[in-house]
Amino acid sequence: MQPNPIVIDMDVGTTPTIPMGVEKPKTIGMGMEMSIQVVVPKTQERTVTPSSAEQIIIPESGYNALSKVTVEPIPSNYGLITWNGSTLTVS
């Protein structure tokens, strides 16, 4: 299988740069060459508010990774929950 060629337009005497996501071909045993595709993540920051249900935080459409997740403080209107070992009280 032959990898797709990469065309780099450059002037004589300049140093070529490799396009983002592609490294120079690497030689691996018996003279075979292999190109490595590097995926650069498109990250997103998310903010969530605690709830009584489990929340699974994943990137939204168009992103493939999270760079930061901020958990907001419990809102003041959630009430105070206390447990004394036998009784759960919400005030």
PDB file of N, CA and C in Angstrom:
ATOM      1  N   MET A   1       0.844  -1.171   0.000  1.00  0.00           N
ATOM      2  CA  MET A   1       0.000   0.000   0.000  1.00  0.00           C
ATOM      3  C   MET A   1       0.892   1.238   0.000  1.00  0.00           C
ATOM      4  N   GLN A   2       0.696   2.124  -0.953  1.00  0.00           N
ATOM      5  CA  GLN A   2       1.485   3.340  -1.060  1.00  0.00           C
ATOM      6  C   GLN A   2       0.764   4.475  -0.335  1.00  0.00           C
ATOM      7  N   PRO A   3       1.481   5.236   0.527  1.00  0.00           N
ATOM      8  CA  PRO A   3       0.851   6.377   1.179  1.00  0.00           C
ATOM      9  C   PRO A   3       0.614   7.494   0.176  1.00  0.00           C
ATOM     10  N   ASN A   4      -0.349   8.361   0.459  1.00  0.00           N
ATOM     11  CA  ASN A   4      -0.601   9.508  -0.400  1.00  0.00           C
ATOM     12  C   ASN A   4       0.587  10.454  -0.326  1.00  0.00           C
ATOM     13  N   PRO A   5       1.057  10.967  -1.490  1.00  0.00           N
ATOM     14  CA  PRO A   5       2.197  11.894  -1.463  1.00  0.00           C
ATOM     15  C   PRO A   5       1.783  13.244  -0.892  1.00  0.00           C
ATOM     16  N   ILE A   6       2.752  13.936  -0.320  1.00  0.00           N
ATOM     17  CA  ILE A   6       2.528  15.286   0.198  1.00  0.00           C
ATOM     18  C   ILE A   6       3.332  16.230  -0.682  1.00  0.00           C
ATOM     19  N   VAL A   7       2.668  17.219  -1.253  1.00  0.00           N
ATOM     20  CA  VAL A   7       3.339  18.180  -2.118  1.00  0.00           C
ATOM     21  C   VAL A   7       3.616  19.430  -1.302  1.00  0.00           C
ATOM     22  N   ILE A   8       4.890  19.838  -1.270  1.00  0.00           N
ATOM     23  CA  ILE A   8       5.285  21.039  -0.540  1.00  0.00           C
ATOM     24  C   ILE A   8       5.834  22.030  -1.553  1.00  0.00           C
ATOM     25  N   ASP A   9       5.189  23.183  -1.671  1.00  0.00           N
ATOM     26  CA  ASP A   9       5.620  24.223  -2.599  1.00  0.00           C
ATOM     27  C   ASP A   9       6.652  25.083  -1.875  1.00  0.00           C
ATOM     28  N   MET A  10       7.874  25.172  -2.433  1.00  0.00           N
ATOM     29  CA  MET A  10       8.913  25.946  -1.775  1.00  0.00           C
ATOM     30  C   MET A  10       9.901  26.484  -2.801  1.00  0.00           C
ATOM     31  N   ASP A  11      10.612  27.523  -2.427  1.00  0.00           N
ATOM     32  CA  ASP A  11      11.639  28.108  -3.271  1.00  0.00           C
ATOM     33  C   ASP A  11      12.973  27.432  -2.995  1.00  0.00           C
ATOM     34  N   VAL A  12      13.850  27.443  -4.000  1.00  0.00           N
ATOM     35  CA  VAL A  12      15.182  26.880  -3.845  1.00  0.00           C
ATOM     36  C   VAL A  12      15.909  27.618  -2.721  1.00  0.00           C
ATOM     37  N   GLY A  13      16.586  26.875  -1.866  1.00  0.00           N
ATOM     38  CA  GLY A  13      17.349  27.480  -0.784  1.00  0.00           C
ATOM     39  C   GLY A  13      16.569  27.647   0.507  1.00  0.00           C
ATOM     40  N   THR A  14      15.291  27.306   0.522  1.00  0.00           N
ATOM     41  CA  THR A  14      14.516  27.405   1.759  1.00  0.00           C
ATOM     42  C   THR A  14      14.399  26.027   2.399  1.00  0.00           C
ATOM     43  N   THR A  15      14.100  26.021   3.671  1.00  0.00           N
ATOM     44  CA  THR A  15      13.936  24.767   4.397  1.00  0.00           C
ATOM     45  C   THR A  15      12.465  24.380   4.344  1.00  0.00           C
ATOM     46  N   PRO A  16      12.170  23.175   3.882  1.00  0.00           N
ATOM     47  CA  PRO A  16      10.760  22.774   3.818  1.00  0.00           C
ATOM     48  C   PRO A  16      10.192  22.533   5.210  1.00  0.00           C
ATOM     49  N   THR A  17       8.917  22.801   5.361  1.00  0.00           N
ATOM     50  CA  THR A  17       8.229  22.465   6.605  1.00  0.00           C
ATOM     51  C   THR A  17       7.201  21.400   6.286  1.00  0.00           C
ATOM     52  N   ILE A  18       7.013  20.506   7.213  1.00  0.00           N
ATOM     53  CA  ILE A  18       6.079  19.411   7.017  1.00  0.00           C
ATOM     54  C   ILE A  18       4.710  19.881   7.480  1.00  0.00           C
ATOM     55  N   PRO A  19       3.669  19.705   6.662  1.00  0.00           N
ATOM     56  CA  PRO A  19       2.327  20.140   7.063  1.00  0.00           C
ATOM     57  C   PRO A  19       1.907  19.527   8.392  1.00  0.00           C
ATOM     58  N   MET A  20       1.071  20.264   9.159  1.00  0.00           N
ATOM     59  CA  MET A  20       0.568  19.820  10.456  1.00  0.00           C
ATOM     60  C   MET A  20      -0.055  18.434  10.339  1.00  0.00           C
ATOM     61  N   GLY A  21       0.285  17.567  11.235  1.00  0.00           N
ATOM     62  CA  GLY A  21      -0.322  16.249  11.288  1.00  0.00           C
ATOM     63  C   GLY A  21       0.438  15.177  10.523  1.00  0.00           C
ATOM     64  N   VAL A  22       1.527  15.526   9.855  1.00  0.00           N
ATOM     65  CA  VAL A  22       2.273  14.523   9.100  1.00  0.00           C
ATOM     66  C   VAL A  22       3.736  14.601   9.489  1.00  0.00           C
ATOM     67  N   GLU A  23       4.328  13.470   9.812  1.00  0.00           N
ATOM     68  CA  GLU A  23       5.747  13.422  10.131  1.00  0.00           C
ATOM     69  C   GLU A  23       6.500  12.829   8.947  1.00  0.00           C
ATOM     70  N   LYS A  24       7.821  13.015   8.949  1.00  0.00           N
ATOM     71  CA  LYS A  24       8.658  12.431   7.899  1.00  0.00           C
ATOM     72  C   LYS A  24       8.466  10.920   7.887  1.00  0.00           C
ATOM     73  N   PRO A  25       8.553  10.305   6.694  1.00  0.00           N
ATOM     74  CA  PRO A  25       8.461   8.842   6.656  1.00  0.00           C
ATOM     75  C   PRO A  25       9.559   8.220   7.524  1.00  0.00           C
ATOM     76  N   LYS A  26       9.220   7.185   8.234  1.00  0.00           N
ATOM     77  CA  LYS A  26      10.164   6.461   9.082  1.00  0.00           C
ATOM     78  C   LYS A  26      10.493   5.133   8.392  1.00  0.00           C
ATOM     79  N   THR A  27      11.753   4.746   8.396  1.00  0.00           N
ATOM     80  CA  THR A  27      12.140   3.466   7.821  1.00  0.00           C
ATOM     81  C   THR A  27      12.038   2.407   8.900  1.00  0.00           C
ATOM     82  N   ILE A  28      11.305   1.360   8.606  1.00  0.00           N
ATOM     83  CA  ILE A  28      11.163   0.269   9.564  1.00  0.00           C
ATOM     84  C   ILE A  28      11.582  -1.019   8.875  1.00  0.00           C
ATOM     85  N   GLY A  29      12.380  -1.814   9.510  1.00  0.00           N
ATOM     86  CA  GLY A  29      12.880  -3.093   9.013  1.00  0.00           C
ATOM     87  C   GLY A  29      12.720  -3.367   7.523  1.00  0.00           C
ATOM     88  N   MET A  30      13.671  -3.931   6.914  1.00  0.00           N
ATOM     89  CA  MET A  30      13.678  -4.393   5.541  1.00  0.00           C
ATOM     90  C   MET A  30      13.384  -3.285   4.528  1.00  0.00           C
ATOM     91  N   GLY A  31      13.738  -2.045   4.837  1.00  0.00           N
ATOM     92  CA  GLY A  31      13.620  -0.954   3.884  1.00  0.00           C
ATOM     93  C   GLY A  31      12.221  -0.408   3.665  1.00  0.00           C
ATOM     94  N   MET A  32      11.264  -0.867   4.441  1.00  0.00           N
ATOM     95  CA  MET A  32       9.890  -0.362   4.285  1.00  0.00           C
ATOM     96  C   MET A  32       9.784   1.020   4.902  1.00  0.00           C
ATOM     97  N   GLU A  33       9.020   1.909   4.264  1.00  0.00           N
ATOM     98  CA  GLU A  33       8.793   3.240   4.822  1.00  0.00           C
ATOM     99  C   GLU A  33       7.349   3.348   5.284  1.00  0.00           C
ATOM    100  N   MET A  34       7.171   4.103   6.343  1.00  0.00           N
ATOM    101  CA  MET A  34       5.849   4.258   6.914  1.00  0.00           C
ATOM    102  C   MET A  34       5.669   5.717   7.298  1.00  0.00           C
ATOM    103  N   SER A  35       4.532   6.328   6.955  1.00  0.00           N
ATOM    104  CA  SER A  35       4.241   7.686   7.384  1.00  0.00           C
ATOM    105  C   SER A  35       3.325   7.620   8.595  1.00  0.00           C
ATOM    106  N   ILE A  36       3.557   8.508   9.536  1.00  0.00           N
ATOM    107  CA  ILE A  36       2.763   8.536  10.762  1.00  0.00           C
ATOM    108  C   ILE A  36       1.830   9.740  10.714  1.00  0.00           C
ATOM    109  N   GLN A  37       0.564   9.499  10.901  1.00  0.00           N
ATOM    110  CA  GLN A  37      -0.433  10.578  10.933  1.00  0.00           C
ATOM    111  C   GLN A  37      -0.614  11.001  12.385  1.00  0.00           C
ATOM    112  N   VAL A  38      -0.345  12.252  12.681  1.00  0.00           N
ATOM    113  CA  VAL A  38      -0.495  12.776  14.035  1.00  0.00           C
ATOM    114  C   VAL A  38      -1.789  13.573  14.085  1.00  0.00           C
ATOM    115  N   VAL A  39      -2.677  13.192  14.978  1.00  0.00           N
ATOM    116  CA  VAL A  39      -3.946  13.903  15.113  1.00  0.00           C
ATOM    117  C   VAL A  39      -3.797  14.939  16.208  1.00  0.00           C
ATOM    118  N   VAL A  40      -4.005  16.185  15.856  1.00  0.00           N
ATOM    119  CA  VAL A  40      -3.939  17.269  16.818  1.00  0.00           C
ATOM    120  C   VAL A  40      -5.361  17.491  17.340  1.00  0.00           C
ATOM    121  N   PRO A  41      -5.579  17.295  18.646  1.00  0.00           N
ATOM    122  CA  PRO A  41      -6.944  17.412  19.155  1.00  0.00           C
ATOM    123  C   PRO A  41      -7.495  18.827  19.076  1.00  0.00           C
ATOM    124  N   LYS A  42      -8.783  18.910  18.780  1.00  0.00           N
ATOM    125  CA  LYS A  42      -9.487  20.190  18.839  1.00  0.00           C
ATOM    126  C   LYS A  42     -10.211  20.171  20.187  1.00  0.00           C
ATOM    127  N   THR A  43      -9.664  20.930  21.135  1.00  0.00           N
ATOM    128  CA  THR A  43     -10.158  20.840  22.513  1.00  0.00           C
ATOM    129  C   THR A  43     -11.238  21.873  22.819  1.00  0.00           C
ATOM    130  N   GLN A  44     -11.953  21.602  23.883  1.00  0.00           N
ATOM    131  CA  GLN A  44     -13.044  22.455  24.334  1.00  0.00           C
ATOM    132  C   GLN A  44     -13.022  22.541  25.850  1.00  0.00           C
ATOM    133  N   GLU A  45     -13.396  23.702  26.375  1.00  0.00           N
ATOM    134  CA  GLU A  45     -13.593  23.859  27.816  1.00  0.00           C
ATOM    135  C   GLU A  45     -15.085  23.741  28.087  1.00  0.00           C
ATOM    136  N   ARG A  46     -15.441  23.035  29.163  1.00  0.00           N
ATOM    137  CA  ARG A  46     -16.851  22.880  29.537  1.00  0.00           C
ATOM    138  C   ARG A  46     -17.032  23.300  30.986  1.00  0.00           C
ATOM    139  N   THR A  47     -18.212  23.790  31.303  1.00  0.00           N
ATOM    140  CA  THR A  47     -18.583  24.150  32.666  1.00  0.00           C
ATOM    141  C   THR A  47     -19.872  23.414  33.013  1.00  0.00           C
ATOM    142  N   VAL A  48     -19.902  22.792  34.194  1.00  0.00           N
ATOM    143  CA  VAL A  48     -21.091  22.060  34.626  1.00  0.00           C
ATOM    144  C   VAL A  48     -21.479  22.495  36.028  1.00  0.00           C
ATOM    145  N   THR A  49     -22.750  22.289  36.345  1.00  0.00           N
ATOM    146  CA  THR A  49     -23.276  22.567  37.682  1.00  0.00           C
ATOM    147  C   THR A  49     -23.654  21.232  38.306  1.00  0.00           C
ATOM    148  N   PRO A  50     -23.291  21.005  39.572  1.00  0.00           N
ATOM    149  CA  PRO A  50     -23.642  19.738  40.220  1.00  0.00           C
ATOM    150  C   PRO A  50     -25.146  19.483  40.154  1.00  0.00           C
ATOM    151  N   SER A  51     -25.509  18.220  40.043  1.00  0.00           N
ATOM    152  CA  SER A  51     -26.923  17.848  40.060  1.00  0.00           C
ATOM    153  C   SER A  51     -27.061  16.543  40.829  1.00  0.00           C
ATOM    154  N   SER A  52     -28.298  16.115  41.029  1.00  0.00           N
ATOM    155  CA  SER A  52     -28.522  14.866  41.760  1.00  0.00           C
ATOM    156  C   SER A  52     -28.301  13.652  40.870  1.00  0.00           C
ATOM    157  N   ALA A  53     -28.216  13.866  39.568  1.00  0.00           N
ATOM    158  CA  ALA A  53     -28.004  12.761  38.633  1.00  0.00           C
ATOM    159  C   ALA A  53     -26.543  12.721  38.176  1.00  0.00           C
ATOM    160  N   GLU A  54     -26.108  11.531  37.784  1.00  0.00           N
ATOM    161  CA  GLU A  54     -24.760  11.389  37.232  1.00  0.00           C
ATOM    162  C   GLU A  54     -24.654  12.206  35.949  1.00  0.00           C
ATOM    163  N   GLN A  55     -23.519  12.848  35.750  1.00  0.00           N
ATOM    164  CA  GLN A  55     -23.284  13.619  34.541  1.00  0.00           C
ATOM    165  C   GLN A  55     -22.024  13.091  33.867  1.00  0.00           C
ATOM    166  N   ILE A  56     -22.116  12.798  32.604  1.00  0.00           N
ATOM    167  CA  ILE A  56     -20.954  12.380  31.833  1.00  0.00           C
ATOM    168  C   ILE A  56     -20.596  13.549  30.929  1.00  0.00           C
ATOM    169  N   ILE A  57     -19.413  14.094  31.127  1.00  0.00           N
ATOM    170  CA  ILE A  57     -18.996  15.291  30.406  1.00  0.00           C
ATOM    171  C   ILE A  57     -18.115  14.867  29.238  1.00  0.00           C
ATOM    172  N   ILE A  58     -18.585  15.108  28.034  1.00  0.00           N
ATOM    173  CA  ILE A  58     -17.834  14.786  26.824  1.00  0.00           C
ATOM    174  C   ILE A  58     -17.788  16.025  25.943  1.00  0.00           C
ATOM    175  N   PRO A  59     -16.879  16.058  24.993  1.00  0.00           N
ATOM    176  CA  PRO A  59     -16.828  17.205  24.082  1.00  0.00           C
ATOM    177  C   PRO A  59     -18.093  17.279  23.227  1.00  0.00           C
ATOM    178  N   GLU A  60     -18.483  18.499  22.895  1.00  0.00           N
ATOM    179  CA  GLU A  60     -19.626  18.694  22.014  1.00  0.00           C
ATOM    180  C   GLU A  60     -19.206  18.424  20.572  1.00  0.00           C
ATOM    181  N   SER A  61     -20.169  18.379  19.685  1.00  0.00           N
ATOM    182  CA  SER A  61     -19.911  18.143  18.266  1.00  0.00           C
ATOM    183  C   SER A  61     -18.891  19.160  17.734  1.00  0.00           C
ATOM    184  N   GLY A  62     -17.955  18.682  16.957  1.00  0.00           N
ATOM    185  CA  GLY A  62     -16.917  19.555  16.399  1.00  0.00           C
ATOM    186  C   GLY A  62     -15.632  19.555  17.206  1.00  0.00           C
ATOM    187  N   TYR A  63     -15.647  18.943  18.390  1.00  0.00           N
ATOM    188  CA  TYR A  63     -14.464  18.846  19.243  1.00  0.00           C
ATOM    189  C   TYR A  63     -14.168  17.377  19.492  1.00  0.00           C
ATOM    190  N   ASN A  64     -12.894  17.056  19.776  1.00  0.00           N
ATOM    191  CA  ASN A  64     -12.568  15.658  20.041  1.00  0.00           C
ATOM    192  C   ASN A  64     -11.834  15.456  21.357  1.00  0.00           C
ATOM    193  N   ALA A  65     -11.754  16.511  22.181  1.00  0.00           N
ATOM    194  CA  ALA A  65     -11.110  16.387  23.493  1.00  0.00           C
ATOM    195  C   ALA A  65     -11.532  17.547  24.381  1.00  0.00           C
ATOM    196  N   LEU A  66     -11.387  17.354  25.685  1.00  0.00           N
ATOM    197  CA  LEU A  66     -11.643  18.427  26.645  1.00  0.00           C
ATOM    198  C   LEU A  66     -10.315  18.939  27.175  1.00  0.00           C
ATOM    199  N   SER A  67     -10.156  20.263  27.204  1.00  0.00           N
ATOM    200  CA  SER A  67      -8.933  20.837  27.760  1.00  0.00           C
ATOM    201  C   SER A  67      -9.126  21.185  29.231  1.00  0.00           C
ATOM    202  N   LYS A  68     -10.389  21.463  29.619  1.00  0.00           N
ATOM    203  CA  LYS A  68     -10.655  21.813  31.014  1.00  0.00           C
ATOM    204  C   LYS A  68     -12.141  21.635  31.279  1.00  0.00           C
ATOM    205  N   VAL A  69     -12.462  21.094  32.472  1.00  0.00           N
ATOM    206  CA  VAL A  69     -13.850  21.003  32.920  1.00  0.00           C
ATOM    207  C   VAL A  69     -13.926  21.728  34.248  1.00  0.00           C
ATOM    208  N   THR A  70     -14.798  22.730  34.321  1.00  0.00           N
ATOM    209  CA  THR A  70     -14.992  23.493  35.550  1.00  0.00           C
ATOM    210  C   THR A  70     -16.320  23.065  36.169  1.00  0.00           C
ATOM    211  N   VAL A  71     -16.279  22.671  37.440  1.00  0.00           N
ATOM    212  CA  VAL A  71     -17.502  22.323  38.163  1.00  0.00           C
ATOM    213  C   VAL A  71     -17.866  23.520  39.018  1.00  0.00           C
ATOM    214  N   GLU A  72     -19.014  24.115  38.686  1.00  0.00           N
ATOM    215  CA  GLU A  72     -19.486  25.290  39.417  1.00  0.00           C
ATOM    216  C   GLU A  72     -19.818  24.909  40.863  1.00  0.00           C
ATOM    217  N   PRO A  73     -19.809  25.884  41.774  1.00  0.00           N
ATOM    218  CA  PRO A  73     -20.219  25.573  43.150  1.00  0.00           C
ATOM    219  C   PRO A  73     -21.708  25.227  43.201  1.00  0.00           C
ATOM    220  N   ILE A  74     -22.092  24.496  44.233  1.00  0.00           N
ATOM    221  CA  ILE A  74     -23.501  24.154  44.410  1.00  0.00           C
ATOM    222  C   ILE A  74     -24.282  25.450  44.591  1.00  0.00           C
ATOM    223  N   PRO A  75     -25.317  25.667  43.774  1.00  0.00           N
ATOM    224  CA  PRO A  75     -26.095  26.906  43.891  1.00  0.00           C
ATOM    225  C   PRO A  75     -26.717  27.049  45.283  1.00  0.00           C
ATOM    226  N   SER A  76     -26.842  28.273  45.739  1.00  0.00           N
ATOM    227  CA  SER A  76     -27.361  28.534  47.092  1.00  0.00           C
ATOM    228  C   SER A  76     -28.801  28.070  47.252  1.00  0.00           C
ATOM    229  N   ASN A  77     -29.564  27.971  46.168  1.00  0.00           N
ATOM    230  CA  ASN A  77     -30.960  27.534  46.293  1.00  0.00           C
ATOM    231  C   ASN A  77     -31.116  26.012  46.322  1.00  0.00           C
ATOM    232  N   TYR A  78     -30.021  25.251  46.341  1.00  0.00           N
ATOM    233  CA  TYR A  78     -30.093  23.798  46.422  1.00  0.00           C
ATOM    234  C   TYR A  78     -30.417  23.322  47.841  1.00  0.00           C
ATOM    235  N   GLY A  79     -30.234  24.161  48.841  1.00  0.00           N
ATOM    236  CA  GLY A  79     -30.476  23.758  50.217  1.00  0.00           C
ATOM    237  C   GLY A  79     -29.254  23.083  50.816  1.00  0.00           C
ATOM    238  N   LEU A  80     -29.250  22.925  52.123  1.00  0.00           N
ATOM    239  CA  LEU A  80     -28.145  22.312  52.847  1.00  0.00           C
ATOM    240  C   LEU A  80     -28.546  20.900  53.243  1.00  0.00           C
ATOM    241  N   ILE A  81     -27.738  19.936  52.877  1.00  0.00           N
ATOM    242  CA  ILE A  81     -28.017  18.533  53.203  1.00  0.00           C
ATOM    243  C   ILE A  81     -27.075  18.113  54.322  1.00  0.00           C
ATOM    244  N   THR A  82     -27.649  17.592  55.403  1.00  0.00           N
ATOM    245  CA  THR A  82     -26.832  17.115  56.526  1.00  0.00           C
ATOM    246  C   THR A  82     -27.215  15.669  56.838  1.00  0.00           C
ATOM    247  N   TRP A  83     -26.262  14.925  57.346  1.00  0.00           N
ATOM    248  CA  TRP A  83     -26.453  13.520  57.698  1.00  0.00           C
ATOM    249  C   TRP A  83     -25.833  13.288  59.065  1.00  0.00           C
ATOM    250  N   ASN A  84     -26.621  12.842  60.014  1.00  0.00           N
ATOM    251  CA  ASN A  84     -26.108  12.616  61.365  1.00  0.00           C
ATOM    252  C   ASN A  84     -25.829  11.148  61.637  1.00  0.00           C
ATOM    253  N   GLY A  85     -25.853  10.322  60.625  1.00  0.00           N
ATOM    254  CA  GLY A  85     -25.603   8.899  60.783  1.00  0.00           C
ATOM    255  C   GLY A  85     -26.883   8.073  60.715  1.00  0.00           C
ATOM    256  N   SER A  86     -28.025   8.712  60.966  1.00  0.00           N
ATOM    257  CA  SER A  86     -29.297   7.981  60.872  1.00  0.00           C
ATOM    258  C   SER A  86     -30.375   8.792  60.172  1.00  0.00           C
ATOM    259  N   THR A  87     -30.216  10.119  60.138  1.00  0.00           N
ATOM    260  CA  THR A  87     -31.246  10.966  59.523  1.00  0.00           C
ATOM    261  C   THR A  87     -30.613  11.914  58.513  1.00  0.00           C
ATOM    262  N   LEU A  88     -31.237  11.967  57.336  1.00  0.00           N
ATOM    263  CA  LEU A  88     -30.822  12.911  56.293  1.00  0.00           C
ATOM    264  C   LEU A  88     -31.764  14.102  56.357  1.00  0.00           C
ATOM    265  N   THR A  89     -31.202  15.303  56.501  1.00  0.00           N
ATOM    266  CA  THR A  89     -32.026  16.517  56.615  1.00  0.00           C
ATOM    267  C   THR A  89     -31.662  17.499  55.519  1.00  0.00           C
ATOM    268  N   VAL A  90     -32.689  18.025  54.856  1.00  0.00           N
ATOM    269  CA  VAL A  90     -32.486  19.073  53.847  1.00  0.00           C
ATOM    270  C   VAL A  90     -33.118  20.333  54.387  1.00  0.00           C
ATOM    271  N   SER A  91     -32.299  21.382  54.519  1.00  0.00           N
ATOM    272  CA  SER A  91     -32.848  22.637  55.063  1.00  0.00           C
ATOM    273  C   SER A  91     -32.573  23.780  54.097  1.00  0.00           C
TER     274      SER A  91
END
